[in-house]
C-alpha atoms as a PDB file:
ATOM      1  CA  MET A   1      45.494  48.020-202.473  1.00  0.00           C
ATOM      2  CA  THR A   2      48.496  46.687-204.402  1.00  0.00           C
ATOM      3  CA  ASP A   3      52.054  47.834-204.978  1.00  0.00           C
ATOM      4  CA  ASP A   4      54.170  47.590-208.122  1.00  0.00           C
ATOM      5  CA  GLN A   5      55.057  43.926-207.485  1.00  0.00           C
ATOM      6  CA  GLY A   6      51.456  42.811-207.189  1.00  0.00           C
ATOM      7  CA  PHE A   7      51.623  42.329-203.386  1.00  0.00           C
ATOM      8  CA  ARG A   8      48.189  42.840-201.970  1.00  0.00           C
ATOM      9  CA  ILE A   9      47.634  44.092-198.396  1.00  0.00           C
ATOM     10  CA  THR A  10      44.435  42.599-197.052  1.00  0.00           C
ATOM     11  CA  GLY A  11      42.628  43.014-193.778  1.00  0.00           C
ATOM     12  CA  ARG A  12      43.691  39.518-192.802  1.00  0.00           C
ATOM     13  CA  LYS A  13      47.406  40.349-193.295  1.00  0.00           C
ATOM     14  CA  VAL A  14      47.057  43.552-191.256  1.00  0.00           C
ATOM     15  CA  LEU A  15      45.330  41.580-188.499  1.00  0.00           C
ATOM     16  CA  PHE A  16      48.099  38.923-188.435  1.00  0.00           C
ATOM     17  CA  PHE A  17      50.810  41.601-188.394  1.00  0.00           C
ATOM     18  CA  THR A  18      49.112  43.505-185.543  1.00  0.00           C
ATOM     19  CA  VAL A  19      48.419  40.390-183.470  1.00  0.00           C
ATOM     20  CA  GLY A  20      51.987  39.149-184.071  1.00  0.00           C
ATOM     21  CA  ALA A  21      53.563  42.478-183.064  1.00  0.00           C
ATOM     22  CA  PHE A  22      51.509  42.757-179.888  1.00  0.00           C
ATOM     23  CA  GLY A  23      52.101  39.071-179.135  1.00  0.00           C
ATOM     24  CA  ILE A  24      55.873  39.629-179.217  1.00  0.00           C
ATOM     25  CA  ILE A  25      55.571  42.702-176.980  1.00  0.00           C
ATOM     26  CA  ILE A  26      53.413  40.840-174.445  1.00  0.00           C
ATOM     27  CA  ALA A  27      55.724  37.792-174.466  1.00  0.00           C
ATOM     28  CA  VAL A  28      58.801  39.953-173.801  1.00  0.00           C
ATOM     29  CA  ASN A  29      57.006  41.814-170.990  1.00  0.00           C
ATOM     30  CA  LEU A  30      55.971  38.540-169.347  1.00  0.00           C
ATOM     31  CA  LEU A  31      59.526  37.190-169.624  1.00  0.00           C
ATOM     32  CA  MET A  32      60.995  40.350-168.079  1.00  0.00           C
ATOM     33  CA  ALA A  33      58.442  40.315-165.238  1.00  0.00           C
ATOM     34  CA  TYR A  34      59.218  36.661-164.513  1.00  0.00           C
ATOM     35  CA  LYS A  35      62.972  37.338-164.456  1.00  0.00           C
ATOM     36  CA  ALA A  36      62.510  40.334-162.143  1.00  0.00           C
ATOM     37  CA  ILE A  37      60.392  38.394-159.660  1.00  0.00           C
ATOM     38  CA  SER A  38      62.395  35.156-159.723  1.00  0.00           C
ATOM     39  CA  THR A  39      65.880  36.669-159.285  1.00  0.00           C
ATOM     40  CA  PHE A  40      65.344  39.552-156.840  1.00  0.00           C
ATOM     41  CA  PRO A  41      63.670  38.964-153.477  1.00  0.00           C
ATOM     42  CA  GLY A  42      62.878  42.673-153.006  1.00  0.00           C
ATOM     43  CA  LEU A  43      62.705  42.254-149.236  1.00  0.00           C
ATOM     44  CA  GLU A  44      64.948  44.178-146.846  1.00  0.00           C
ATOM     45  CA  VAL A  45      62.978  43.626-143.630  1.00  0.00           C
ATOM     46  CA  LYS A  46      59.910  41.519-142.894  1.00  0.00           C
ATOM     47  CA  ASN A  47      57.925  44.394-141.409  1.00  0.00           C
ATOM     48  CA  SER A  48      59.133  47.914-142.216  1.00  0.00           C
ATOM     49  CA  TYR A  49      56.816  49.543-139.662  1.00  0.00           C
ATOM     50  CA  VAL A  50      58.221  47.472-136.791  1.00  0.00           C
ATOM     51  CA  ALA A  51      61.799  48.108-137.994  1.00  0.00           C
ATOM     52  CA  SER A  52      61.153  51.860-138.119  1.00  0.00           C
ATOM     53  CA  GLN A  53      60.131  51.985-134.445  1.00  0.00           C
ATOM     54  CA  THR A  54      63.692  51.444-133.215  1.00  0.00           C
ATOM     55  CA  PHE A  55      65.609  52.937-136.146  1.00  0.00           C
ATOM     56  CA  ASP A  56      66.660  56.204-134.454  1.00  0.00           C
ATOM     57  CA  ALA A  57      67.721  54.480-131.218  1.00  0.00           C
ATOM     58  CA  ASP A  58      69.673  51.811-133.139  1.00  0.00           C
ATOM     59  CA  ARG A  59      71.359  54.464-135.264  1.00  0.00           C
ATOM     60  CA  SER A  60      72.361  56.533-132.233  1.00  0.00           C
ATOM     61  CA  ALA A  61      73.790  53.453-130.500  1.00  0.00           C
ATOM     62  CA  GLN A  62      75.768  52.528-133.619  1.00  0.00           C
ATOM     63  CA  ILE A  63      77.172  56.057-133.934  1.00  0.00           C
ATOM     64  CA  GLY A  64      78.037  55.915-130.222  1.00  0.00           C
ATOM     65  CA  LEU A  65      80.327  52.956-130.887  1.00  0.00           C
ATOM     66  CA  GLY A  66      82.547  55.188-133.010  1.00  0.00           C
ATOM     67  CA  TRP A  67      83.487  52.291-135.262  1.00  0.00           C
ATOM     68  CA  THR A  68      84.811  52.619-138.788  1.00  0.00           C
ATOM     69  CA  LEU A  69      84.821  49.754-141.268  1.00  0.00           C
ATOM     70  CA  ALA A  70      87.364  49.438-144.079  1.00  0.00           C
ATOM     71  CA  PRO A  71      86.743  46.537-146.486  1.00  0.00           C
ATOM     72  CA  GLU A  72      89.417  45.302-148.890  1.00  0.00           C
ATOM     73  CA  TYR A  73      89.139  42.548-151.484  1.00  0.00           C
ATOM     74  CA  ASP A  74      92.304  41.045-152.951  1.00  0.00           C
ATOM     75  CA  ALA A  75      91.322  39.315-156.220  1.00  0.00           C
ATOM     76  CA  LYS A  76      94.717  37.600-156.597  1.00  0.00           C
ATOM     77  CA  ALA A  77      94.720  36.118-153.092  1.00  0.00           C
ATOM     78  CA  LYS A  78      90.917  35.653-153.220  1.00  0.00           C
ATOM     79  CA  GLN A  79      90.527  37.165-149.765  1.00  0.00           C
ATOM     80  CA  LEU A  80      88.120  39.657-148.270  1.00  0.00           C
ATOM     81  CA  ARG A  81      89.437  41.641-145.318  1.00  0.00           C
ATOM     82  CA  LEU A  82      87.257  43.684-142.968  1.00  0.00           C
ATOM     83  CA  ALA A  83      89.053  46.058-140.602  1.00  0.00           C
ATOM     84  CA  PHE A  84      86.876  47.462-137.797  1.00  0.00           C
ATOM     85  CA  THR A  85      88.515  50.317-135.895  1.00  0.00           C
ATOM     86  CA  ASP A  86      87.328  52.351-132.915  1.00  0.00           C
ATOM     87  CA  GLU A  87      87.501  56.125-132.424  1.00  0.00           C
ATOM     88  CA  ALA A  88      91.183  55.929-131.441  1.00  0.00           C
ATOM     89  CA  GLY A  89      92.063  53.907-134.564  1.00  0.00           C
ATOM     90  CA  TYR A  90      92.631  50.640-132.696  1.00  0.00           C
ATOM     91  CA  PRO A  91      90.943  47.368-133.740  1.00  0.00           C
ATOM     92  CA  ALA A  92      87.376  47.362-132.455  1.00  0.00           C
ATOM     93  CA  GLU A  93      86.155  44.581-130.160  1.00  0.00           C
ATOM     94  CA  VAL A  94      83.702  42.602-132.276  1.00  0.00           C
ATOM     95  CA  SER A  95      81.980  39.751-130.474  1.00  0.00           C
ATOM     96  CA  ALA A  96      79.883  38.502-133.423  1.00  0.00           C
ATOM     97  CA  LEU A  97      80.046  39.055-137.178  1.00  0.00           C
ATOM     98  CA  SER A  98      77.591  38.200-139.940  1.00  0.00           C
ATOM     99  CA  VAL A  99      78.219  39.144-143.569  1.00  0.00           C
ATOM    100  CA  LEU A 100      75.992  38.628-146.599  1.00  0.00           C
ATOM    101  CA  ILE A 101      77.664  39.093-149.975  1.00  0.00           C
ATOM    102  CA  GLY A 102      75.741  39.017-153.222  1.00  0.00           C
ATOM    103  CA  ARG A 103      74.762  40.818-156.364  1.00  0.00           C
ATOM    104  CA  THR A 104      72.589  43.886-155.977  1.00  0.00           C
ATOM    105  CA  THR A 105      69.947  42.616-158.395  1.00  0.00           C
ATOM    106  CA  GLU A 106      69.965  38.864-157.932  1.00  0.00           C
ATOM    107  CA  ALA A 107      69.758  36.561-154.924  1.00  0.00           C
ATOM    108  CA  SER A 108      71.203  33.440-156.594  1.00  0.00           C
ATOM    109  CA  ASP A 109      74.824  34.495-155.899  1.00  0.00           C
ATOM    110  CA  ASP A 110      74.248  35.303-152.200  1.00  0.00           C
ATOM    111  CA  MET A 111      76.766  33.821-149.768  1.00  0.00           C
ATOM    112  CA  HIS A 112      77.696  34.033-146.089  1.00  0.00           C
ATOM    113  CA  PRO A 113      81.492  33.646-145.871  1.00  0.00           C
ATOM    114  CA  GLU A 114      83.168  32.462-142.678  1.00  0.00           C
ATOM    115  CA  PHE A 115      85.574  35.047-141.259  1.00  0.00           C
ATOM    116  CA  VAL A 116      88.620  34.415-139.080  1.00  0.00           C
ATOM    117  CA  ARG A 117      90.176  37.169-136.989  1.00  0.00           C
ATOM    118  CA  GLU A 118      93.862  37.698-137.800  1.00  0.00           C
ATOM    119  CA  SER A 119      95.792  40.539-136.129  1.00  0.00           C
ATOM    120  CA  GLY A 120      92.620  42.525-135.468  1.00  0.00           C
ATOM    121  CA  VAL A 121      91.290  42.111-139.028  1.00  0.00           C
ATOM    122  CA  PHE A 122      88.577  39.701-140.142  1.00  0.00           C
ATOM    123  CA  VAL A 123      89.655  37.604-143.151  1.00  0.00           C
ATOM    124  CA  ALA A 124      87.632  35.246-145.355  1.00  0.00           C
ATOM    125  CA  SER A 125      88.674  33.217-148.378  1.00  0.00           C
ATOM    126  CA  LEU A 126      86.320  34.244-151.146  1.00  0.00           C
ATOM    127  CA  ASP A 127      86.376  33.952-154.932  1.00  0.00           C
ATOM    128  CA  LEU A 128      84.307  36.814-156.349  1.00  0.00           C
ATOM    129  CA  ALA A 129      83.732  37.155-160.092  1.00  0.00           C
ATOM    130  CA  MET A 130      84.219  40.497-161.790  1.00  0.00           C
ATOM    131  CA  GLY A 131      81.498  43.074-161.346  1.00  0.00           C
ATOM    132  CA  LYS A 132      79.553  44.881-158.679  1.00  0.00           C
ATOM    133  CA  TRP A 133      78.881  43.150-155.365  1.00  0.00           C
ATOM    134  CA  MET A 134      76.955  44.244-152.297  1.00  0.00           C
ATOM    135  CA  MET A 135      77.923  43.439-148.705  1.00  0.00           C
ATOM    136  CA  GLN A 136      75.519  43.649-145.776  1.00  0.00           C
ATOM    137  CA  ILE A 137      77.595  43.601-142.622  1.00  0.00           C
ATOM    138  CA  GLU A 138      76.274  43.128-139.098  1.00  0.00           C
ATOM    139  CA  ALA A 139      78.774  43.180-136.229  1.00  0.00           C
ATOM    140  CA  THR A 140      77.952  43.065-132.536  1.00  0.00           C
ATOM    141  CA  ALA A 141      79.898  44.869-129.829  1.00  0.00           C
ATOM    142  CA  PRO A 142      80.540  43.140-126.466  1.00  0.00           C
ATOM    143  CA  ASP A 143      77.742  45.237-124.889  1.00  0.00           C
ATOM    144  CA  GLY A 144      75.226  43.955-127.490  1.00  0.00           C
ATOM    145  CA  THR A 145      75.153  47.090-129.645  1.00  0.00           C
ATOM    146  CA  VAL A 146      74.717  46.157-133.313  1.00  0.00           C
ATOM    147  CA  PHE A 147      76.765  47.832-136.048  1.00  0.00           C
ATOM    148  CA  ARG A 148      75.172  47.554-139.506  1.00  0.00           C
ATOM    149  CA  GLN A 149      76.551  48.767-142.790  1.00  0.00           C
ATOM    150  CA  ARG A 150      75.865  48.114-146.471  1.00  0.00           C
ATOM    151  CA  ILE A 151      78.854  48.492-148.775  1.00  0.00           C
ATOM    152  CA  ASP A 152      79.076  48.249-152.567  1.00  0.00           C
ATOM    153  CA  LEU A 153      82.207  46.495-153.760  1.00  0.00           C
ATOM    154  CA  SER A 154      83.562  46.577-157.323  1.00  0.00           C
ATOM    155  CA  VAL A 155      85.736  43.644-158.340  1.00  0.00           C
ATOM    156  CA  ARG A 156      88.030  44.168-161.303  1.00  0.00           C
ATOM    157  CA  GLY A 157      89.791  41.341-163.066  1.00  0.00           C
END
């Protein structure tokens, strides 16, 4: 078959076009799969069955604390402030604090900032780029009860 210009479509050309098109599709799929696996750990807990066995008891104990957490990020001062308050609105007694901050889709930006308690508020120097960040907070009460919360944080420039 030929067109007006004399260009002839042969079986060989159709084969090369088809193999080339599918080759590009497969290459892009492999690249995307590699990026998905290499940047996101996809692991919340090591064994979800074991974690589920104490979930209700842990949740009830956390609710029993009556704590509220108010995070605040000041982009100009490059500070993250975490204010834990009890049921009466007073600063909560936190004996241990662990915070993981990172991107929701990528583990390469994960960090564990060091917090200092100032006037009942935990403060950390932190330079966060613009965008969406995720914080996983774990605070321990003096009686050993663990308070866990995941918070999404949007940083605007």
